Amino acid sequence: MPTFKLAHLREQGVDLIIVPLDRTFGSAPQAEQDDVMAELQARARGAGLAGNVAVVWDDGGGRMAFRAPVNQHAFFRSIGLSFVWRNVNRDLSW
């Protein structure tokens, strides 16, 4: 049964589901990344969580990489992994 930590928060009136992943996610093929994100989105919706899933990971050198809806890119560029980890407030398991 996989379990993921996540930050479920509301930023500027928008519900966000931010899932920190292992840095290896960034080197996975895009199709595999898409599959992981679709699974997380479906499981989050099934758990009653509102919002779109965005994933973040350590990109090395103190940088955070992310995949998120385009309209949320400015927000994700303005935060770092420490912000995400401080806001983790749920587990998602299946």
Protein backbone atom coordinates (compact mmCIF):
# COMPACT_ATOMS: atom_id res chain seq x y z
CA MET A 1 0.00 0.00 0.00
CA PRO A 2 1.71 3.22 -1.11
CA THR A 3 1.57 6.24 1.17
CA PHE A 4 2.43 9.78 0.13
CA LYS A 5 2.83 12.84 2.32
CA LEU A 6 1.18 15.92 0.89
CA ALA A 7 0.43 19.55 1.57
CA HIS A 8 -3.22 20.35 0.98
CA LEU A 9 -3.55 24.10 1.12
CA ARG A 10 -5.39 27.06 -0.30
CA GLU A 11 -3.31 29.80 -1.90
CA GLN A 12 -4.97 32.92 -3.28
CA GLY A 13 -8.33 31.16 -3.39
CA VAL A 14 -7.00 28.07 -5.17
CA ASP A 15 -6.88 24.61 -3.59
CA LEU A 16 -3.50 22.95 -4.07
CA ILE A 17 -2.45 19.35 -3.48
CA ILE A 18 1.35 19.39 -3.39
CA VAL A 19 3.07 16.01 -3.31
CA PRO A 20 6.83 15.91 -2.67
CA LEU A 21 8.42 13.01 -4.54
CA ASP A 22 11.84 11.42 -4.67
CA ARG A 23 14.35 13.23 -6.86
CA THR A 24 14.37 10.25 -9.27
CA PHE A 25 10.92 11.38 -10.45
CA GLY A 26 12.62 14.15 -12.41
CA SER A 27 14.60 11.71 -14.54
CA ALA A 28 11.62 9.46 -15.31
CA PRO A 29 10.19 9.60 -18.85
CA GLN A 30 7.37 12.11 -19.27
CA ALA A 31 4.82 9.34 -19.91
CA GLU A 32 5.73 7.75 -16.57
CA GLN A 33 5.52 11.13 -14.82
CA ASP A 34 2.10 11.70 -16.40
CA ASP A 35 0.91 8.29 -15.15
CA VAL A 36 2.09 9.01 -11.60
CA MET A 37 0.40 12.40 -11.59
CA ALA A 38 -2.85 10.98 -12.97
CA GLU A 39 -2.86 8.27 -10.30
CA LEU A 40 -2.20 10.79 -7.53
CA GLN A 41 -4.95 13.06 -8.86
CA ALA A 42 -7.47 10.21 -9.00
CA ARG A 43 -6.56 8.99 -5.51
CA ALA A 44 -6.71 12.52 -4.08
CA ARG A 45 -10.15 13.08 -5.58
CA GLY A 46 -11.24 9.70 -4.25
CA ALA A 47 -10.11 10.81 -0.78
CA GLY A 48 -12.26 13.94 -1.08
CA LEU A 49 -9.41 16.41 -1.58
CA ALA A 50 -10.18 19.45 -3.72
CA GLY A 51 -7.64 20.91 -6.11
CA ASN A 52 -5.16 19.89 -8.75
CA VAL A 53 -2.16 17.76 -7.90
CA ALA A 54 1.26 19.31 -8.32
CA VAL A 55 4.42 17.34 -7.66
CA VAL A 56 7.74 18.70 -6.44
CA TRP A 57 11.18 17.16 -6.02
CA ASP A 58 14.75 18.08 -5.15
CA ASP A 59 16.49 19.09 -8.35
CA GLY A 60 19.90 19.37 -6.69
CA GLY A 61 21.84 22.42 -5.68
CA GLY A 62 19.08 23.57 -3.35
CA ARG A 63 16.60 23.92 -6.20
CA MET A 64 13.06 22.56 -6.26
CA ALA A 65 11.64 21.24 -9.53
CA PHE A 66 7.92 20.90 -10.05
CA ARG A 67 5.13 19.89 -12.38
CA ALA A 68 2.00 21.93 -11.88
CA PRO A 69 -0.73 23.62 -13.92
CA VAL A 70 0.74 26.51 -15.93
CA ASN A 71 -1.35 29.11 -14.10
CA GLN A 72 0.36 28.07 -10.84
CA HIS A 73 3.97 28.22 -12.06
CA ALA A 74 4.65 31.66 -10.55
CA PHE A 75 3.61 30.37 -7.13
CA PHE A 76 5.80 27.27 -7.40
CA ARG A 77 8.78 29.33 -8.56
CA SER A 78 8.36 31.48 -5.41
CA ILE A 79 8.53 28.60 -2.91
CA GLY A 80 11.03 25.89 -2.03
CA LEU A 81 11.00 22.40 -0.60
CA SER A 82 11.25 23.75 2.95
CA PHE A 83 7.93 25.56 2.42
CA VAL A 84 6.33 22.36 1.12
CA TRP A 85 7.61 20.22 4.01
CA ARG A 86 6.47 22.83 6.59
CA ASN A 87 2.98 22.62 5.10
CA VAL A 88 2.65 18.83 4.82
CA ASN A 89 -0.59 18.09 6.62
CA ARG A 90 -1.96 14.84 5.20
CA ASP A 91 -1.10 11.34 4.11
CA LEU A 92 -2.62 9.76 1.02
CA SER A 93 -2.66 5.95 1.01
CA TRP A 94 -4.22 3.23 -1.09
